[in-house]
Protein backbone atom coordinates (compact mmCIF):
# COMPACT_ATOMS: atom_id res chain seq x y z
CA MET A 1 97.84 68.99 93.36
CA ILE A 2 96.14 71.93 95.05
CA THR A 3 96.37 75.28 93.24
CA LEU A 4 96.74 78.75 94.76
CA ILE A 5 95.00 81.62 92.95
CA GLU A 6 95.94 85.15 94.09
CA LEU A 7 93.22 87.62 93.14
CA HIS A 8 95.21 90.82 92.81
CA ASP A 9 93.52 92.62 89.92
CA ARG A 10 96.78 94.03 88.55
CA ASN A 11 98.23 90.55 88.27
CA ILE A 12 96.24 87.37 88.89
CA ARG A 13 98.81 84.75 89.92
CA ILE A 14 98.29 81.00 89.79
CA SER A 15 100.79 78.85 91.68
CA SER A 16 101.55 75.28 92.64
CA PRO A 17 103.75 74.18 95.55
CA ASP A 18 106.66 74.35 93.06
CA GLY A 19 106.12 78.03 92.17
CA VAL A 20 104.23 80.38 89.87
CA LEU A 21 102.50 78.77 86.89
CA LEU A 22 100.91 81.81 85.24
CA GLU A 23 100.32 85.54 85.73
CA SER A 24 97.59 87.54 84.03
CA PRO A 25 96.45 91.18 84.50
CA GLY A 26 92.74 91.64 85.24
CA PHE A 27 91.73 93.03 81.82
CA ALA A 28 89.27 91.84 79.19
CA ASN A 29 88.58 93.17 75.70
CA THR A 30 85.61 92.28 73.49
CA ALA A 31 86.66 94.06 70.28
CA SER A 32 87.42 90.67 68.74
CA ASN A 33 85.53 87.39 68.81
CA PRO A 34 86.41 85.50 70.93
CA PRO A 35 87.33 88.12 73.57
CA VAL A 36 90.87 88.34 74.88
CA TYR A 37 92.11 88.61 78.46
CA GLY A 38 95.18 89.51 80.46
CA GLU A 39 98.22 91.09 78.84
CA GLU A 40 96.69 90.97 75.36
CA ALA A 41 93.60 92.86 76.55
CA LEU A 42 95.72 95.36 78.49
CA LYS A 43 97.43 96.39 75.26
CA LEU A 44 94.07 97.25 73.68
CA THR A 45 92.62 99.52 76.37
CA ARG A 46 93.33 102.80 74.53
CA LEU A 47 92.60 101.39 71.09
CA HIS A 48 89.16 100.03 72.01
CA PRO A 49 88.09 101.80 75.22
CA GLN A 50 84.36 100.98 74.88
CA GLN A 51 85.16 97.26 74.61
CA SER A 52 87.73 97.24 77.46
CA PHE A 53 86.91 96.02 80.98
CA SER A 54 89.12 96.08 84.06
CA GLN A 55 86.85 96.50 87.09
CA PHE A 56 85.43 92.98 87.24
CA TRP A 57 87.81 91.67 89.93
CA LEU A 58 87.42 94.86 91.96
CA GLN A 59 83.63 94.98 91.85
CA LEU A 60 82.94 91.23 91.44
CA SER A 61 79.14 91.32 91.50
CA LEU A 62 76.00 90.52 89.55
CA ASP A 63 75.32 94.19 88.82
CA PRO A 64 74.70 94.83 85.09
CA LEU A 65 77.59 96.20 83.04
CA VAL A 66 77.49 99.89 82.11
CA HIS A 67 78.67 99.08 78.59
CA LYS A 68 76.33 96.24 77.68
CA ASN A 69 77.29 93.60 75.16
CA LYS A 70 75.98 90.26 73.93
CA LEU A 71 78.65 88.17 75.66
CA PHE A 72 78.62 89.37 79.27
CA ARG A 73 75.80 90.47 81.56
CA HIS A 74 77.74 91.57 84.62
CA GLN A 75 81.18 91.75 86.27
CA ALA A 76 80.96 88.15 87.49
CA ASP A 77 80.58 86.92 83.88
CA LEU A 78 83.84 88.66 82.98
CA ALA A 79 85.63 87.30 86.05
CA TYR A 80 84.42 83.78 85.25
CA ALA A 81 85.54 84.05 81.62
CA HIS A 82 88.99 85.32 82.64
CA LEU A 83 89.48 82.63 85.29
CA ASN A 84 88.15 79.83 83.09
CA THR A 85 90.45 80.88 80.24
CA LEU A 86 93.46 80.66 82.57
CA MET A 87 92.37 77.22 83.80
CA GLN A 88 92.08 75.98 80.23
CA GLU A 89 95.45 77.45 79.29
CA LEU A 90 97.11 75.57 82.15
CA ASN A 91 94.89 72.50 81.76
CA LEU A 92 94.21 72.68 85.51
CA GLU A 93 91.47 71.08 87.52
CA GLY A 94 90.91 69.96 91.09
CA GLU A 95 91.19 71.85 94.35
CA ALA A 96 92.07 75.54 94.52
CA VAL A 97 92.68 77.96 97.40
CA PHE A 98 91.89 81.63 96.75
CA ALA A 99 93.94 84.45 98.29
CA VAL A 100 91.50 87.35 98.18
CA PRO A 101 91.89 91.12 98.70
CA SER A 102 90.94 92.46 102.13
CA HIS A 103 88.07 94.61 100.86
CA TYR A 104 85.96 91.70 99.56
CA ASN A 105 82.64 91.46 101.41
CA ALA A 106 80.49 88.38 102.04
CA SER A 107 78.48 88.89 98.84
CA GLN A 108 81.63 89.11 96.71
CA LEU A 109 83.08 85.99 98.32
CA ALA A 110 79.85 84.12 97.60
CA THR A 111 79.97 85.31 93.99
CA LEU A 112 83.57 84.15 93.70
CA LEU A 113 82.72 80.67 94.98
CA GLY A 114 79.75 80.50 92.63
CA LEU A 115 81.76 81.28 89.51
CA ALA A 116 84.67 79.07 90.61
CA LYS A 117 82.36 76.07 90.80
CA HIS A 118 81.54 76.55 87.10
CA CYS A 119 85.24 76.29 86.28
CA PRO A 120 87.06 72.94 86.43
CA LEU A 121 87.85 73.80 90.07
CA GLU A 122 86.83 72.69 93.51
CA PRO A 123 87.14 75.69 95.87
CA ALA A 124 89.04 74.48 98.92
CA GLY A 125 89.82 77.65 100.86
CA LEU A 126 89.59 81.43 101.13
CA VAL A 127 92.27 83.47 102.87
CA ASP A 128 92.96 87.20 103.19
CA ILE A 129 95.98 88.03 101.05
CA SER A 130 97.31 90.56 103.58
CA LEU A 131 97.70 87.82 106.21
CA LEU A 132 99.77 85.76 103.83
CA ALA A 133 102.02 88.77 103.16
CA LEU A 134 102.53 89.40 106.89
CA SER A 135 102.55 85.85 108.21
CA SER A 136 106.08 86.13 109.60
CA LEU A 137 105.33 89.19 111.71
CA GLN A 138 107.43 88.52 114.80
CA GLU A 139 108.51 91.61 116.69
CA HIS A 140 105.58 94.04 116.43
CA GLN A 141 102.09 94.02 117.92
CA GLN A 142 100.62 95.69 114.83
CA ALA A 143 101.46 96.14 111.17
CA VAL A 144 99.81 97.53 108.03
CA PHE A 145 99.79 96.04 104.56
CA ILE A 146 99.36 98.43 101.61
CA ASP A 147 97.65 96.73 98.68
CA ILE A 148 97.92 98.93 95.57
CA GLN A 149 95.24 97.71 93.17
CA LEU A 150 94.16 99.00 89.78
CA TYR A 151 91.50 101.44 90.99
CA GLN A 152 92.22 101.84 94.69
CA THR A 153 94.69 101.31 97.48
CA VAL A 154 93.58 99.17 100.42
CA LEU A 155 95.16 99.55 103.86
CA THR A 156 94.84 96.49 106.09
CA ARG A 157 95.91 96.65 109.73
CA VAL A 158 96.69 93.38 111.50
CA SER A 159 97.60 92.69 115.11
CA ARG A 160 99.28 89.88 117.03
CA GLU A 161 97.07 88.06 119.50
CA GLN A 162 98.27 84.98 121.38
CA GLY A 163 100.59 83.76 118.65
CA GLU A 164 98.29 84.67 115.76
CA ILE A 165 98.02 87.57 113.34
CA VAL A 166 94.47 88.84 113.06
CA ARG A 167 92.92 91.22 110.54
CA GLU A 168 91.70 94.28 112.45
CA LYS A 169 90.71 97.05 110.07
CA VAL A 170 90.40 97.55 106.32
CA ILE A 171 90.37 100.97 104.64
CA PRO A 172 89.88 101.23 100.83
CA ILE A 173 91.03 104.54 99.29
CA PRO A 174 89.28 104.93 95.90
CA GLY A 175 91.08 106.70 93.07
CA THR A 176 94.59 105.96 94.36
CA GLY A 177 95.36 102.83 92.37
CA LEU A 178 97.84 102.03 89.64
CA LEU A 179 95.60 103.30 86.85
CA ALA A 180 95.41 106.75 88.46
CA LEU A 181 99.20 106.76 88.83
CA HIS A 182 99.67 105.63 85.23
CA ASP A 183 97.37 108.41 84.04
CA CYS A 184 99.42 110.98 86.00
CA TRP A 185 102.65 109.73 84.50
CA SER A 186 101.20 109.43 81.01
CA ASN A 187 100.09 113.07 81.24
CA ALA A 188 103.60 114.07 82.38
CA ILE A 189 105.04 112.30 79.34
CA THR A 190 102.49 113.93 77.04
CA ASP A 191 103.24 117.39 78.43
CA ALA A 192 106.97 116.82 77.88
CA PHE A 193 106.43 115.82 74.24
CA ILE A 194 104.16 118.81 73.60
CA LYS A 195 106.66 121.20 75.17
CA GLN A 196 109.85 119.72 73.69
CA SER A 197 108.67 118.31 70.34
CA ARG A 198 105.31 120.01 69.71
CA PHE A 199 103.80 116.54 69.44
CA ASP A 200 100.75 115.33 71.37
CA PRO A 201 100.94 111.52 71.66
CA GLN A 202 97.46 111.33 73.24
CA HIS A 203 95.91 112.86 70.13
CA ASN A 204 96.29 109.49 68.41
CA ALA A 205 95.06 106.18 69.89
CA ASP A 206 98.09 104.22 68.62
CA THR A 207 100.69 106.50 70.20
CA GLU A 208 98.62 106.86 73.37
CA GLN A 209 98.49 103.06 73.66
CA TYR A 210 102.24 102.93 73.03
CA ILE A 211 102.85 105.15 76.08
CA TYR A 212 100.83 102.85 78.33
CA ASN A 213 102.48 99.75 76.87
CA GLU A 214 105.96 101.10 77.57
CA LEU A 215 105.25 102.97 80.80
CA GLU A 216 106.42 100.38 83.34
CA ASN A 217 109.61 99.76 81.36
CA TRP A 218 110.29 103.52 81.27
CA LEU A 219 109.64 103.82 85.01
CA GLN A 220 112.25 101.16 85.74
CA LYS A 221 114.80 102.92 83.55
CA VAL A 222 114.25 106.38 85.00
CA SER A 223 114.44 104.98 88.54
CA LEU A 224 117.90 103.60 87.76
CA ASN A 225 119.27 106.47 85.67
CA GLN A 226 117.39 109.46 87.18
CA GLU A 227 116.65 110.76 83.65
CA ILE A 228 115.30 109.20 80.49
CA LEU A 229 115.06 110.11 76.81
CA LEU A 230 111.79 108.86 75.31
CA GLU A 231 111.15 108.27 71.62
CA ILE A 232 107.83 107.77 69.84
CA ASN A 233 107.62 106.91 66.16
CA ASN A 234 104.46 108.36 64.65
CA LYS A 235 103.97 107.47 60.97
CA GLY A 236 107.71 107.48 60.32
CA THR A 237 108.54 110.64 62.27
CA VAL A 238 110.48 110.09 65.49
CA HIS A 239 109.64 112.47 68.34
CA GLN A 240 111.77 112.77 71.49
CA ALA A 241 111.27 114.07 75.01
CA SER A 242 113.43 114.02 78.12
CA LEU A 243 112.08 113.55 81.66
CA THR A 244 113.70 113.18 85.06
CA LEU A 245 112.74 110.95 87.98
CA LYS A 246 111.67 114.11 89.82
CA ASN A 247 109.05 114.78 87.10
CA PHE A 248 107.43 111.41 87.80
CA GLU A 249 107.68 111.80 91.58
CA GLN A 250 106.00 115.22 91.55
CA ARG A 251 103.08 114.07 89.38
CA ALA A 252 102.21 111.29 91.85
CA GLN A 253 102.44 113.38 95.03
CA ASN A 254 98.71 114.14 95.37
CA ILE A 255 97.79 110.48 95.13
CA TYR A 256 100.45 109.44 97.63
CA LYS A 257 99.36 112.19 100.04
CA ARG A 258 95.85 110.75 100.14
CA ILE A 259 97.31 107.35 101.07
CA SER A 260 99.61 108.96 103.64
CA GLN A 261 96.73 110.80 105.30
CA GLU A 262 94.67 107.64 105.70
CA LEU A 263 97.71 105.74 106.88
CA SER A 264 98.63 108.30 109.53
CA ALA A 265 95.24 107.82 111.17
CA LEU A 266 95.80 104.06 111.28
CA VAL A 267 99.33 103.71 112.67
CA ASP A 268 101.81 105.22 115.08
CA GLU A 269 105.48 105.90 114.42
CA ASN A 270 106.49 102.39 115.52
CA THR A 271 104.05 100.49 113.30
CA PRO A 272 105.80 98.81 110.35
CA VAL A 273 104.18 99.30 106.95
CA TYR A 274 104.57 96.66 104.23
CA VAL A 275 103.98 96.68 100.50
CA LEU A 276 104.76 94.16 97.75
CA ASP A 277 108.24 94.58 96.27
CA ARG A 278 106.82 95.31 92.83
CA PHE A 279 105.20 98.50 94.18
CA ALA A 280 107.87 99.58 96.69
CA THR A 281 109.92 101.23 93.94
CA LEU A 282 107.10 103.28 92.38
CA PRO A 283 108.51 106.79 91.78
CA GLY A 284 107.97 108.99 94.82
CA LEU A 285 106.26 106.40 97.04
CA SER A 286 109.16 105.87 99.46
CA GLN A 287 109.65 109.65 99.74
CA GLU A 288 106.03 110.17 100.81
CA LEU A 289 105.95 107.01 102.94
CA PRO A 290 109.49 106.60 104.32
CA GLY A 291 110.33 103.30 105.98
CA LEU A 292 108.19 101.12 103.71
CA ILE A 293 109.18 97.46 103.93
CA GLY A 294 109.09 95.44 100.72
CA VAL A 295 107.52 91.97 100.73
CA ASN A 296 108.74 89.45 98.16
CA ASP A 297 105.91 88.28 95.90
CA GLU A 298 106.88 84.69 96.61
CA ARG A 299 106.07 85.17 100.31
CA ILE A 300 102.33 84.90 99.60
CA GLY A 301 102.60 81.50 97.95
CA GLU A 302 105.04 80.18 100.54
CA SER A 303 102.79 81.29 103.38
CA ALA A 304 99.68 79.83 101.77
CA TYR A 305 101.19 76.38 101.39
CA HIS A 306 102.79 76.56 104.85
CA ASN A 307 99.33 77.17 106.34
CA LEU A 308 97.42 74.96 103.91
CA ASP A 309 95.93 72.67 106.59
CA LEU A 310 94.41 75.70 108.33
CA ILE A 311 93.15 77.38 105.16
CA ARG A 312 91.77 74.30 103.49
CA SER A 313 88.15 73.31 104.04
CA SER A 314 85.44 71.65 102.04
CA GLY A 315 81.80 71.80 101.02
CA GLU A 316 79.50 74.30 102.63
CA ALA A 317 81.96 74.90 105.47
CA LEU A 318 84.11 77.15 103.29
CA ARG A 319 84.82 80.44 105.10
CA LEU A 320 87.27 83.31 104.87
CA ILE A 321 90.42 82.85 106.96
CA ALA A 322 91.11 86.21 108.63
CA ARG A 323 93.62 85.01 111.24
CA LEU A 324 96.69 82.83 110.94
CA PRO A 325 99.40 81.66 113.35
CA VAL A 326 102.67 83.55 113.34
CA HIS A 327 105.41 81.39 111.86
CA GLU A 328 107.12 79.97 114.93
CA THR A 329 109.99 78.23 113.18
CA PRO A 330 113.78 78.25 113.26
CA GLN A 331 113.40 81.07 110.74
CA LYS A 332 112.48 83.29 113.68
CA THR A 333 115.83 82.71 115.32
CA ARG A 334 117.65 83.39 112.07
CA SER A 335 115.57 86.51 111.58
CA SER A 336 116.54 87.77 115.03
CA GLU A 337 120.19 87.09 114.30
CA ASN A 338 119.88 88.94 110.98
CA ARG A 339 118.37 91.96 112.73
CA GLU A 340 121.32 92.00 115.11
CA ALA A 341 123.63 92.15 112.11
CA ARG A 342 121.76 94.93 110.31
CA PRO A 343 123.13 98.47 110.20
CA SER A 344 120.84 101.25 111.40
CA HIS A 345 123.18 104.20 110.69
CA PHE A 346 126.19 105.12 108.61
CA LEU A 347 129.38 106.86 109.64
CA TYR A 348 130.84 109.70 107.60
CA ARG A 349 133.70 111.90 108.80
CA HIS A 350 133.27 110.62 112.36
CA ARG A 351 129.57 111.48 112.52
CA ALA A 352 126.68 109.01 112.53
CA TYR A 353 123.56 109.51 110.38
CA ALA A 354 120.39 107.41 110.33
CA LEU A 355 119.64 105.26 107.30
CA PRO A 356 118.15 105.22 104.69
CA ASP A 357 119.13 108.66 103.32
CA LEU A 358 122.80 108.62 102.26
CA ASN A 359 122.60 111.80 100.22
CA LEU A 360 124.46 114.25 102.44
CA PRO A 361 125.18 117.70 100.96
CA ALA A 362 128.87 117.19 101.85
CA LEU A 363 129.08 114.31 99.36
CA LYS A 364 128.21 116.69 96.49
CA LEU A 365 126.50 113.94 94.48
CA ALA A 366 125.45 114.54 90.89
CA ASP A 367 122.87 111.78 91.32
CA PRO A 368 121.35 110.36 94.51
CA ILE A 369 122.31 107.10 96.14
CA LYS A 370 119.17 105.03 96.68
CA VAL A 371 118.65 102.86 99.77
CA SER A 372 115.34 101.11 100.48
CA LEU A 373 114.14 99.21 103.53
CA GLN A 374 113.21 95.60 102.84
CA GLU A 375 112.41 92.62 105.04
CA GLN A 376 116.04 91.49 105.08
CA GLY A 377 117.30 94.97 105.98
CA TYR A 378 118.46 98.06 104.10
CA CYS A 379 119.09 97.48 100.41
CA LEU A 380 121.71 99.55 98.55
CA HIS A 381 120.86 100.05 94.86
CA ASN A 382 123.39 100.59 92.11
CA ASN A 383 123.46 103.91 90.26
CA PRO A 384 125.50 103.62 87.03
CA ARG A 385 126.07 107.38 87.05
CA LEU A 386 128.10 107.12 90.25
CA ASP A 387 131.31 105.26 90.98
CA LEU A 388 130.18 103.11 93.92
CA GLN A 389 132.46 100.50 95.46
CA LEU A 390 131.28 98.27 98.30
CA ASN A 391 134.09 96.70 100.32
CA GLY A 392 136.55 97.49 97.55
CA ALA A 393 134.53 95.94 94.70
CA PRO A 394 132.41 97.83 92.13
CA LEU A 395 128.71 97.83 92.97
CA THR A 396 126.91 96.32 89.97
CA GLU A 397 123.62 95.19 91.52
CA SER A 398 121.44 95.79 94.56
CA VAL A 399 122.74 94.30 97.83
CA ILE A 400 121.51 94.03 101.41
CA LEU A 401 123.83 96.04 103.65
CA LYS A 402 125.60 94.33 106.56
CA LEU A 403 127.29 95.71 109.64
CA GLY A 404 130.84 96.75 108.85
CA ASP A 405 130.26 97.24 105.12
CA SER A 406 132.26 100.11 103.65
CA LEU A 407 131.04 102.18 100.69
CA THR A 408 133.38 104.37 98.65
CA VAL A 409 131.68 107.06 96.57
CA ASN A 410 133.40 108.44 93.47
CA GLN A 411 136.78 107.29 94.84
CA ASP A 412 136.74 110.20 97.27
CA ALA A 413 134.36 109.61 100.20
CA THR A 414 134.06 106.57 102.44
CA ILE A 415 130.96 105.59 104.38
CA GLU A 416 130.85 102.83 106.99
CA PHE A 417 127.64 101.10 108.03
CA ILE A 418 127.12 100.76 111.77
CA GLN A 419 124.40 100.00 114.30
CA VAL A 420 123.26 102.50 116.92
CA ARG A 421 121.03 101.28 119.76
């Protein structure tokens, strides 16, 4: 069996042709002996900051560590230890293909191959992860993939050339990654607790760590409910603070604007922009970058195994694959048919409005209706604070909108989804 290893520092993913085997965030912590990695290390970053490491997949080099210790000399040592631990956990050996971030240079790729050979692995291929995400690009001459990493965002522009997608340009934007966003949102939460409860959760390492541990769960809840009541138990005293989705969106604006500025210099208004589904719903991102298209995480694995014969190589001939054929399969025909059946506008009181914004002032909504653009089309998300009925049935989960669908809002307004050419 050949293994696929996706080197996204927020979540290293190891897959087989049957699906994902293991996921592990790119964190290491040396406060204990032996060190710990992944999710366990992530939950110690605020408790033991001097013994926490999370830049080793980003920087992947033989440069000495700033915080020296007896176990690791440089970033590559940490990357090797993390990868080898995952291999041992899965009891894996044999051939492996690496899907690597677009910003890796020749030196980093050489370092990766060097450390991989010391694991029970035989490196069998290197491929740019952005190409795997965009391998079904059919109808556009160019596209951009946004890779939101821990410490930076990387924009990768690809183009279609004679039936292939080719990597054209790569722009890293330092300081715009998930950790910067999490710090913004953690500070928003801290400010709310100080203002509403006179309690500073960042004054104590345990409660500060608790915020970071719960942050992604809280973000999901506030995105669904528009407002959230947070509770932190500090030595038996429960403190509360309330925040709205708008609070989180506003705190992230400066970071998103930096991404938007770089993106605007890279694309025109007709260039589609893609991002992994897991990041498409980050608070405020779709407002700053409207029209984002979500890519299912499984697409990367599917594309890698579909193109395995082209990616795979052996021995000293190993090289980075930076161009892949566009998927010319029956899926293309189905995709075209699906596009024909997708709504582009909605009809309300005999007037047509462009998707995705359904929140007309005339609807007088207490909470917004959320619609996001995904590969399959526009996706309508449930909001439990609204009475939403799609085609006469209560909306209980997210659905892809189809032509002719009818949405009733609060039993009083009806919207029909149409296509305007």
